[in-house]
Amino acid sequence: PYKVHSDAGHANEISIGGTLYTGGVTAAVPTLLNVF
């Protein structure tokens, strides 16, 4: 078994079908999303 979190402190687990990120992105600039 394993879990996936959106924060280094492991307080925000991403459930199955859950959201890692909601927000804006800038044209042609990579938006990097950390997962743990």
Full PDB file with SEQRES, HELIX, SHEET, SSBOND, CRYST1, ORIGX, SCALE, CONECT and MASTER records, all heavy atoms in Angstrom:
SEQRES   1 A   36  PRO TYR LYS VAL HIS SER ASP ALA GLY HIS ALA ASN GLU          
SEQRES   2 A   36  ILE SER ILE GLY GLY THR LEU TYR THR GLY GLY VAL THR          
SEQRES   3 A   36  ALA ALA VAL PRO THR LEU LEU ASN VAL PHE                      
CRYST1    1.000    1.000    1.000  90.00  90.00  90.00 P 1           1          
ORIGX1      1.000000  0.000000  0.000000        0.00000                         
ORIGX2      0.000000  1.000000  0.000000        0.00000                         
ORIGX3      0.000000  0.000000  1.000000        0.00000                         
SCALE1      1.000000  0.000000  0.000000        0.00000                         
SCALE2      0.000000  1.000000  0.000000        0.00000                         
SCALE3      0.000000  0.000000  1.000000        0.00000                         
ATOM      1  N   PRO A   1       0.829  -1.210   0.000  1.00  0.00           N  
ATOM      2  CA  PRO A   1       0.000   0.000   0.000  1.00  0.00           C  
ATOM      3  C   PRO A   1       0.864   1.260   0.000  1.00  0.00           C  
ATOM      4  O   PRO A   1       1.987   1.256   0.509  1.00  0.00           O  
ATOM      5  CB  PRO A   1      -0.794  -0.113   1.300  1.00  0.00           C  
ATOM      6  CG  PRO A   1       0.096  -0.904   2.200  1.00  0.00           C  
ATOM      7  CD  PRO A   1       0.826  -1.868   1.314  1.00  0.00           C  
ATOM      8  N   TYR A   2       0.324   2.322  -0.577  1.00  0.00           N  
ATOM      9  CA  TYR A   2       1.013   3.614  -0.535  1.00  0.00           C  
ATOM     10  C   TYR A   2      -0.006   4.741  -0.620  1.00  0.00           C  
ATOM     11  O   TYR A   2      -1.139   4.539  -1.032  1.00  0.00           O  
ATOM     12  CB  TYR A   2       2.054   3.726  -1.661  1.00  0.00           C  
ATOM     13  CG  TYR A   2       1.481   3.810  -3.045  1.00  0.00           C  
ATOM     14  CD1 TYR A   2       1.299   5.034  -3.675  1.00  0.00           C  
ATOM     15  CD2 TYR A   2       1.115   2.652  -3.745  1.00  0.00           C  
ATOM     16  CE1 TYR A   2       0.772   5.116  -4.954  1.00  0.00           C  
ATOM     17  CE2 TYR A   2       0.586   2.723  -5.018  1.00  0.00           C  
ATOM     18  CZ  TYR A   2       0.410   3.957  -5.618  1.00  0.00           C  
ATOM     19  OH  TYR A   2      -0.116   4.030  -6.885  1.00  0.00           O  
ATOM     20  N   LYS A   3       0.440   5.908  -0.214  1.00  0.00           N  
ATOM     21  CA  LYS A   3      -0.386   7.117  -0.257  1.00  0.00           C  
ATOM     22  C   LYS A   3       0.340   8.166  -1.087  1.00  0.00           C  
ATOM     23  O   LYS A   3       1.563   8.132  -1.213  1.00  0.00           O  
ATOM     24  CB  LYS A   3      -0.616   7.666   1.154  1.00  0.00           C  
ATOM     25  CG  LYS A   3      -1.339   6.705   2.069  1.00  0.00           C  
ATOM     26  CD  LYS A   3      -1.436   7.278   3.477  1.00  0.00           C  
ATOM     27  CE  LYS A   3      -2.111   6.290   4.408  1.00  0.00           C  
ATOM     28  NZ  LYS A   3      -2.248   6.831   5.767  1.00  0.00           N  
ATOM     29  N   VAL A   4      -0.429   9.130  -1.596  1.00  0.00           N  
ATOM     30  CA  VAL A   4       0.148  10.258  -2.316  1.00  0.00           C  
ATOM     31  C   VAL A   4      -0.357  11.532  -1.644  1.00  0.00           C  
ATOM     32  O   VAL A   4      -1.553  11.666  -1.367  1.00  0.00           O  
ATOM     33  CB  VAL A   4      -0.239  10.252  -3.808  1.00  0.00           C  
ATOM     34  CG1 VAL A   4       0.351  11.455  -4.531  1.00  0.00           C  
ATOM     35  CG2 VAL A   4       0.215   8.952  -4.470  1.00  0.00           C  
ATOM     36  N   HIS A   5       0.579  12.452  -1.374  1.00  0.00           N  
ATOM     37  CA  HIS A   5       0.252  13.716  -0.708  1.00  0.00           C  
ATOM     38  C   HIS A   5       0.674  14.887  -1.596  1.00  0.00           C  
ATOM     39  O   HIS A   5       1.578  14.767  -2.419  1.00  0.00           O  
ATOM     40  CB  HIS A   5       0.995  13.822   0.629  1.00  0.00           C  
ATOM     41  CG  HIS A   5       0.656  12.722   1.578  1.00  0.00           C  
ATOM     42  ND1 HIS A   5      -0.397  12.784   2.437  1.00  0.00           N  
ATOM     43  CD2 HIS A   5       1.246  11.517   1.788  1.00  0.00           C  
ATOM     44  CE1 HIS A   5      -0.455  11.677   3.153  1.00  0.00           C  
ATOM     45  NE2 HIS A   5       0.533  10.888   2.778  1.00  0.00           N  
ATOM     46  N   SER A   6       0.035  16.025  -1.374  1.00  0.00           N  
ATOM     47  CA  SER A   6       0.390  17.235  -2.126  1.00  0.00           C  
ATOM     48  C   SER A   6       1.344  18.131  -1.348  1.00  0.00           C  
ATOM     49  O   SER A   6       1.754  19.174  -1.856  1.00  0.00           O  
ATOM     50  CB  SER A   6      -0.874  18.032  -2.485  1.00  0.00           C  
ATOM     51  OG  SER A   6      -1.556  18.419  -1.309  1.00  0.00           O  
ATOM     52  N   ASP A   7       1.718  17.723  -0.136  1.00  0.00           N  
ATOM     53  CA  ASP A   7       2.600  18.553   0.690  1.00  0.00           C  
ATOM     54  C   ASP A   7       3.670  17.694   1.355  1.00  0.00           C  
ATOM     55  O   ASP A   7       3.466  16.505   1.622  1.00  0.00           O  
ATOM     56  CB  ASP A   7       1.799  19.305   1.752  1.00  0.00           C  
ATOM     57  CG  ASP A   7       1.125  18.363   2.733  1.00  0.00           C  
ATOM     58  OD1 ASP A   7       0.494  17.379   2.290  1.00  0.00           O  
ATOM     59  OD2 ASP A   7       1.260  18.582   3.940  1.00  0.00           O  
ATOM     60  N   ALA A   8       4.812  18.299   1.621  1.00  0.00           N  
ATOM     61  CA  ALA A   8       5.937  17.584   2.223  1.00  0.00           C  
ATOM     62  C   ALA A   8       5.642  17.127   3.640  1.00  0.00           C  
ATOM     63  O   ALA A   8       6.218  16.155   4.119  1.00  0.00           O  
ATOM     64  CB  ALA A   8       7.189  18.466   2.202  1.00  0.00           C  
ATOM     65  N   GLY A   9       4.737  17.807   4.327  1.00  0.00           N  
ATOM     66  CA  GLY A   9       4.376  17.427   5.686  1.00  0.00           C  
ATOM     67  C   GLY A   9       3.374  16.287   5.744  1.00  0.00           C  
ATOM     68  O   GLY A   9       3.017  15.819   6.822  1.00  0.00           O  
ATOM     69  N   HIS A  10       2.915  15.815   4.609  1.00  0.00           N  
ATOM     70  CA  HIS A  10       1.970  14.704   4.481  1.00  0.00           C  
ATOM     71  C   HIS A  10       0.649  14.945   5.198  1.00  0.00           C  
ATOM     72  O   HIS A  10       0.016  14.022   5.702  1.00  0.00           O  
ATOM     73  CB  HIS A  10       2.614  13.382   4.927  1.00  0.00           C  
ATOM     74  CG  HIS A  10       3.795  13.036   4.088  1.00  0.00           C  
ATOM     75  ND1 HIS A  10       5.059  13.421   4.433  1.00  0.00           N  
ATOM     76  CD2 HIS A  10       3.889  12.405   2.897  1.00  0.00           C  
ATOM     77  CE1 HIS A  10       5.895  13.004   3.486  1.00  0.00           C  
ATOM     78  NE2 HIS A  10       5.208  12.385   2.553  1.00  0.00           N  
ATOM     79  N   ALA A  11       0.215  16.195   5.241  1.00  0.00           N  
ATOM     80  CA  ALA A  11      -1.063  16.535   5.866  1.00  0.00           C  
ATOM     81  C   ALA A  11      -2.212  16.452   4.859  1.00  0.00           C  
ATOM     82  O   ALA A  11      -3.359  16.287   5.254  1.00  0.00           O  
ATOM     83  CB  ALA A  11      -1.002  17.938   6.458  1.00  0.00           C  
ATOM     84  N   ASN A  12      -1.901  16.557   3.554  1.00  0.00           N  
ATOM     85  CA  ASN A  12      -2.951  16.603   2.528  1.00  0.00           C  
ATOM     86  C   ASN A  12      -2.850  15.408   1.587  1.00  0.00           C  
ATOM     87  O   ASN A  12      -2.234  15.478   0.528  1.00  0.00           O  
ATOM     88  CB  ASN A  12      -2.848  17.903   1.728  1.00  0.00           C  
ATOM     89  CG  ASN A  12      -3.026  19.114   2.606  1.00  0.00           C  
ATOM     90  OD1 ASN A  12      -3.964  19.190   3.380  1.00  0.00           O  
ATOM     91  ND2 ASN A  12      -2.105  20.056   2.507  1.00  0.00           N  
ATOM     92  N   GLU A  13      -3.469  14.308   1.990  1.00  0.00           N  
ATOM     93  CA  GLU A  13      -3.469  13.117   1.140  1.00  0.00           C  
ATOM     94  C   GLU A  13      -4.397  13.341  -0.049  1.00  0.00           C  
ATOM     95  O   GLU A  13      -5.484  13.910   0.086  1.00  0.00           O  
ATOM     96  CB  GLU A  13      -3.929  11.894   1.915  1.00  0.00           C  
ATOM     97  CG  GLU A  13      -3.894  10.630   1.083  1.00  0.00           C  
ATOM     98  CD  GLU A  13      -4.284   9.371   1.847  1.00  0.00           C  
ATOM     99  OE1 GLU A  13      -4.471   9.444   3.076  1.00  0.00           O  
ATOM    100  OE2 GLU A  13      -4.411   8.322   1.191  1.00  0.00           O  
ATOM    101  N   ILE A  14      -3.970  12.882  -1.222  1.00  0.00           N  
ATOM    102  CA  ILE A  14      -4.787  12.974  -2.425  1.00  0.00           C  
ATOM    103  C   ILE A  14      -5.524  11.642  -2.554  1.00  0.00           C  
ATOM    104  O   ILE A  14      -4.917  10.603  -2.801  1.00  0.00           O  
ATOM    105  CB  ILE A  14      -3.923  13.247  -3.671  1.00  0.00           C  
ATOM    106  CG1 ILE A  14      -3.130  14.535  -3.477  1.00  0.00           C  
ATOM    107  CG2 ILE A  14      -4.804  13.338  -4.910  1.00  0.00           C  
ATOM    108  CD1 ILE A  14      -2.022  14.717  -4.476  1.00  0.00           C  
ATOM    109  N   SER A  15      -6.817  11.686  -2.374  1.00  0.00           N  
ATOM    110  CA  SER A  15      -7.624  10.473  -2.440  1.00  0.00           C  
ATOM    111  C   SER A  15      -7.693   9.960  -3.872  1.00  0.00           C  
ATOM    112  O   SER A  15      -7.317  10.660  -4.821  1.00  0.00           O  
ATOM    113  CB  SER A  15      -9.035  10.756  -1.909  1.00  0.00           C  
ATOM    114  OG  SER A  15      -9.657  11.723  -2.733  1.00  0.00           O  
ATOM    115  N   ILE A  16      -8.181   8.751  -4.030  1.00  0.00           N  
ATOM    116  CA  ILE A  16      -8.361   8.185  -5.368  1.00  0.00           C  
ATOM    117  C   ILE A  16      -9.362   9.054  -6.118  1.00  0.00           C  
ATOM    118  O   ILE A  16     -10.461   9.317  -5.638  1.00  0.00           O  
ATOM    119  CB  ILE A  16      -8.840   6.727  -5.275  1.00  0.00           C  
ATOM    120  CG1 ILE A  16      -7.694   5.873  -4.702  1.00  0.00           C  
ATOM    121  CG2 ILE A  16      -9.300   6.213  -6.634  1.00  0.00           C  
ATOM    122  CD1 ILE A  16      -8.044   4.440  -4.445  1.00  0.00           C  
ATOM    123  N   GLY A  17      -8.964   9.544  -7.279  1.00  0.00           N  
ATOM    124  CA  GLY A  17      -9.775  10.467  -8.060  1.00  0.00           C  
ATOM    125  C   GLY A  17      -9.722  11.889  -7.533  1.00  0.00           C  
ATOM    126  O   GLY A  17     -10.408  12.767  -8.041  1.00  0.00           O  
ATOM    127  N   GLY A  18      -8.875  12.115  -6.519  1.00  0.00           N  
ATOM    128  CA  GLY A  18      -8.778  13.426  -5.888  1.00  0.00           C  
ATOM    129  C   GLY A  18      -7.929  14.408  -6.667  1.00  0.00           C  
ATOM    130  O   GLY A  18      -7.236  14.075  -7.623  1.00  0.00           O  
ATOM    131  N   THR A  19      -7.976  15.656  -6.225  1.00  0.00           N  
ATOM    132  CA  THR A  19      -7.318  16.764  -6.911  1.00  0.00           C  
ATOM    133  C   THR A  19      -5.944  17.064  -6.319  1.00  0.00           C  
ATOM    134  O   THR A  19      -5.813  17.262  -5.115  1.00  0.00           O  
ATOM    135  CB  THR A  19      -8.202  18.025  -6.817  1.00  0.00           C  
ATOM    136  OG1 THR A  19      -9.451  17.735  -7.436  1.00  0.00           O  
ATOM    137  CG2 THR A  19      -7.561  19.197  -7.513  1.00  0.00           C  
ATOM    138  N   LEU A  20      -4.950  17.083  -7.180  1.00  0.00           N  
ATOM    139  CA  LEU A  20      -3.602  17.499  -6.808  1.00  0.00           C  
ATOM    140  C   LEU A  20      -3.487  19.016  -6.879  1.00  0.00           C  
ATOM    141  O   LEU A  20      -2.850  19.645  -6.038  1.00  0.00           O  
ATOM    142  CB  LEU A  20      -2.564  16.853  -7.739  1.00  0.00           C  
ATOM    143  CG  LEU A  20      -1.142  17.391  -7.677  1.00  0.00           C  
ATOM    144  CD1 LEU A  20      -0.541  17.158  -6.293  1.00  0.00           C  
ATOM    145  CD2 LEU A  20      -0.279  16.756  -8.751  1.00  0.00           C  
ATOM    146  N   TYR A  21      -4.119  19.625  -7.891  1.00  0.00           N  
ATOM    147  CA  TYR A  21      -3.955  21.069  -8.103  1.00  0.00           C  
ATOM    148  C   TYR A  21      -5.181  21.649  -8.785  1.00  0.00           C  
ATOM    149  O   TYR A  21      -5.731  21.044  -9.707  1.00  0.00           O  
ATOM    150  CB  TYR A  21      -2.724  21.318  -8.982  1.00  0.00           C  
ATOM    151  CG  TYR A  21      -2.482  22.764  -9.352  1.00  0.00           C  
ATOM    152  CD1 TYR A  21      -1.925  23.638  -8.436  1.00  0.00           C  
ATOM    153  CD2 TYR A  21      -2.810  23.244 -10.615  1.00  0.00           C  
ATOM    154  CE1 TYR A  21      -1.693  24.979  -8.771  1.00  0.00           C  
ATOM    155  CE2 TYR A  21      -2.575  24.571 -10.957  1.00  0.00           C  
ATOM    156  CZ  TYR A  21      -2.024  25.428 -10.036  1.00  0.00           C  
ATOM    157  OH  TYR A  21      -1.802  26.742 -10.365  1.00  0.00           O  
ATOM    158  N   THR A  22      -5.582  22.809  -8.340  1.00  0.00           N  
ATOM    159  CA  THR A  22      -6.564  23.637  -9.033  1.00  0.00           C  
ATOM    160  C   THR A  22      -6.030  25.055  -8.982  1.00  0.00           C  
ATOM    161  O   THR A  22      -5.714  25.559  -7.909  1.00  0.00           O  
ATOM    162  CB  THR A  22      -7.949  23.589  -8.356  1.00  0.00           C  
ATOM    163  OG1 THR A  22      -8.435  22.254  -8.418  1.00  0.00           O  
ATOM    164  CG2 THR A  22      -8.936  24.500  -9.057  1.00  0.00           C  
ATOM    165  N   GLY A  23      -5.888  25.676 -10.133  1.00  0.00           N  
ATOM    166  CA  GLY A  23      -5.380  27.039 -10.178  1.00  0.00           C  
ATOM    167  C   GLY A  23      -5.027  27.420 -11.599  1.00  0.00           C  
ATOM    168  O   GLY A  23      -5.316  26.686 -12.539  1.00  0.00           O  
ATOM    169  N   GLY A  24      -4.376  28.547 -11.741  1.00  0.00           N  
ATOM    170  CA  GLY A  24      -4.026  29.065 -13.050  1.00  0.00           C  
ATOM    171  C   GLY A  24      -2.646  28.622 -13.506  1.00  0.00           C  
ATOM    172  O   GLY A  24      -1.835  28.143 -12.717  1.00  0.00           O  
ATOM    173  N   VAL A  25      -2.415  28.767 -14.806  1.00  0.00           N  
ATOM    174  CA  VAL A  25      -1.105  28.534 -15.406  1.00  0.00           C  
ATOM    175  C   VAL A  25      -0.812  29.680 -16.366  1.00  0.00           C  
ATOM    176  O   VAL A  25      -1.726  30.249 -16.964  1.00  0.00           O  
ATOM    177  CB  VAL A  25      -1.008  27.174 -16.134  1.00  0.00           C  
ATOM    178  CG1 VAL A  25      -1.137  26.018 -15.166  1.00  0.00           C  
ATOM    179  CG2 VAL A  25      -2.031  27.048 -17.236  1.00  0.00           C  
ATOM    180  N   THR A  26       0.454  30.015 -16.509  1.00  0.00           N  
ATOM    181  CA  THR A  26       0.902  31.077 -17.403  1.00  0.00           C  
ATOM    182  C   THR A  26       1.369  30.457 -18.715  1.00  0.00           C  
ATOM    183  O   THR A  26       2.028  29.416 -18.706  1.00  0.00           O  
ATOM    184  CB  THR A  26       2.051  31.865 -16.753  1.00  0.00           C  
ATOM    185  OG1 THR A  26       1.587  32.387 -15.508  1.00  0.00           O  
ATOM    186  CG2 THR A  26       2.514  33.004 -17.639  1.00  0.00           C  
ATOM    187  N   ALA A  27       1.041  31.098 -19.827  1.00  0.00           N  
ATOM    188  CA  ALA A  27       1.400  30.584 -21.149  1.00  0.00           C  
ATOM    189  C   ALA A  27       2.893  30.306 -21.252  1.00  0.00           C  
ATOM    190  O   ALA A  27       3.718  31.155 -20.891  1.00  0.00           O  
ATOM    191  CB  ALA A  27       0.982  31.568 -22.233  1.00  0.00           C  
ATOM    192  N   ALA A  28       3.221  29.116 -21.724  1.00  0.00           N  
ATOM    193  CA  ALA A  28       4.585  28.683 -22.046  1.00  0.00           C  
ATOM    194  C   ALA A  28       5.530  28.618 -20.846  1.00  0.00           C  
ATOM    195  O   ALA A  28       6.726  28.429 -21.021  1.00  0.00           O  
ATOM    196  CB  ALA A  28       5.188  29.559 -23.141  1.00  0.00           C  
ATOM    197  N   VAL A  29       5.012  28.768 -19.644  1.00  0.00           N  
ATOM    198  CA  VAL A  29       5.845  28.672 -18.435  1.00  0.00           C  
ATOM    199  C   VAL A  29       5.456  27.399 -17.690  1.00  0.00           C  
ATOM    200  O   VAL A  29       4.291  27.238 -17.308  1.00  0.00           O  
ATOM    201  CB  VAL A  29       5.642  29.897 -17.512  1.00  0.00           C  
ATOM    202  CG1 VAL A  29       6.431  29.750 -16.227  1.00  0.00           C  
ATOM    203  CG2 VAL A  29       6.023  31.176 -18.240  1.00  0.00           C  
ATOM    204  N   PRO A  30       6.394  26.464 -17.472  1.00  0.00           N  
ATOM    205  CA  PRO A  30       6.042  25.235 -16.766  1.00  0.00           C  
ATOM    206  C   PRO A  30       5.521  25.516 -15.351  1.00  0.00           C  
ATOM    207  O   PRO A  30       6.091  26.319 -14.616  1.00  0.00           O  
ATOM    208  CB  PRO A  30       7.355  24.458 -16.707  1.00  0.00           C  
ATOM    209  CG  PRO A  30       8.188  25.020 -17.809  1.00  0.00           C  
ATOM    210  CD  PRO A  30       7.789  26.469 -17.911  1.00  0.00           C  
ATOM    211  N   THR A  31       4.434  24.859 -15.006  1.00  0.00           N  
ATOM    212  CA  THR A  31       3.913  24.873 -13.641  1.00  0.00           C  
ATOM    213  C   THR A  31       4.299  23.526 -13.045  1.00  0.00           C  
ATOM    214  O   THR A  31       3.857  22.485 -13.532  1.00  0.00           O  
ATOM    215  CB  THR A  31       2.382  25.048 -13.626  1.00  0.00           C  
ATOM    216  OG1 THR A  31       2.071  26.304 -14.235  1.00  0.00           O  
ATOM    217  CG2 THR A  31       1.837  25.022 -12.209  1.00  0.00           C  
ATOM    218  N   LEU A  32       5.166  23.550 -12.035  1.00  0.00           N  
ATOM    219  CA  LEU A  32       5.652  22.318 -11.425  1.00  0.00           C  
ATOM    220  C   LEU A  32       4.853  22.029 -10.162  1.00  0.00           C  
ATOM    221  O   LEU A  32       4.728  22.883  -9.286  1.00  0.00           O  
ATOM    222  CB  LEU A  32       7.142  22.438 -11.105  1.00  0.00           C  
ATOM    223  CG  LEU A  32       8.047  22.722 -12.305  1.00  0.00           C  
ATOM    224  CD1 LEU A  32       9.489  22.879 -11.864  1.00  0.00           C  
ATOM    225  CD2 LEU A  32       7.922  21.622 -13.344  1.00  0.00           C  
ATOM    226  N   LEU A  33       4.333  20.814 -10.071  1.00  0.00           N  
ATOM    227  CA  LEU A  33       3.530  20.387  -8.940  1.00  0.00           C  
ATOM    228  C   LEU A  33       4.255  19.278  -8.194  1.00  0.00           C  
ATOM    229  O   LEU A  33       4.538  18.228  -8.769  1.00  0.00           O  
ATOM    230  CB  LEU A  33       2.165  19.873  -9.427  1.00  0.00           C  
ATOM    231  CG  LEU A  33       1.390  20.792 -10.365  1.00  0.00           C  
ATOM    232  CD1 LEU A  33       0.154  20.093 -10.887  1.00  0.00           C  
ATOM    233  CD2 LEU A  33       1.035  22.087  -9.661  1.00  0.00           C  
ATOM    234  N   ASN A  34       4.547  19.517  -6.942  1.00  0.00           N  
ATOM    235  CA  ASN A  34       5.210  18.502  -6.136  1.00  0.00           C  
ATOM    236  C   ASN A  34       4.194  17.491  -5.637  1.00  0.00           C  
ATOM    237  O   ASN A  34       3.076  17.847  -5.267  1.00  0.00           O  
ATOM    238  CB  ASN A  34       5.920  19.150  -4.943  1.00  0.00           C  
ATOM    239  CG  ASN A  34       7.065  20.024  -5.393  1.00  0.00           C  
ATOM    240  OD1 ASN A  34       7.882  19.628  -6.217  1.00  0.00           O  
ATOM    241  ND2 ASN A  34       7.131  21.230  -4.867  1.00  0.00           N  
ATOM    242  N   VAL A  35       4.579  16.228  -5.633  1.00  0.00           N  
ATOM    243  CA  VAL A  35       3.795  15.154  -5.034  1.00  0.00           C  
ATOM    244  C   VAL A  35       4.731  14.382  -4.113  1.00  0.00           C  
ATOM    245  O   VAL A  35       5.944  14.361  -4.322  1.00  0.00           O  
ATOM    246  CB  VAL A  35       3.166  14.208  -6.081  1.00  0.00           C  
ATOM    247  CG1 VAL A  35       2.083  14.899  -6.863  1.00  0.00           C  
ATOM    248  CG2 VAL A  35       4.209  13.639  -7.011  1.00  0.00           C  
ATOM    249  N   PHE A  36       4.168  13.773  -3.101  1.00  0.00           N  
ATOM    250  CA  PHE A  36       4.978  13.049  -2.127  1.00  0.00           C  
ATOM    251  C   PHE A  36       4.345  11.691  -1.877  1.00  0.00           C  
ATOM    252  O   PHE A  36       3.172  11.609  -1.503  1.00  0.00           O  
ATOM    253  CB  PHE A  36       5.082  13.848  -0.827  1.00  0.00           C  
ATOM    254  CG  PHE A  36       5.696  15.201  -1.042  1.00  0.00           C  
ATOM    255  CD1 PHE A  36       4.919  16.294  -1.368  1.00  0.00           C  
ATOM    256  CD2 PHE A  36       7.069  15.368  -0.949  1.00  0.00           C  
ATOM    257  CE1 PHE A  36       5.481  17.540  -1.594  1.00  0.00           C  
ATOM    258  CE2 PHE A  36       7.647  16.606  -1.173  1.00  0.00           C  
ATOM    259  CZ  PHE A  36       6.855  17.695  -1.498  1.00  0.00           C  
TER     260      PHE A  36                                                      
MASTER        0    0    0    0    0    0    0    6  259    1    0    3          
END                                                                             
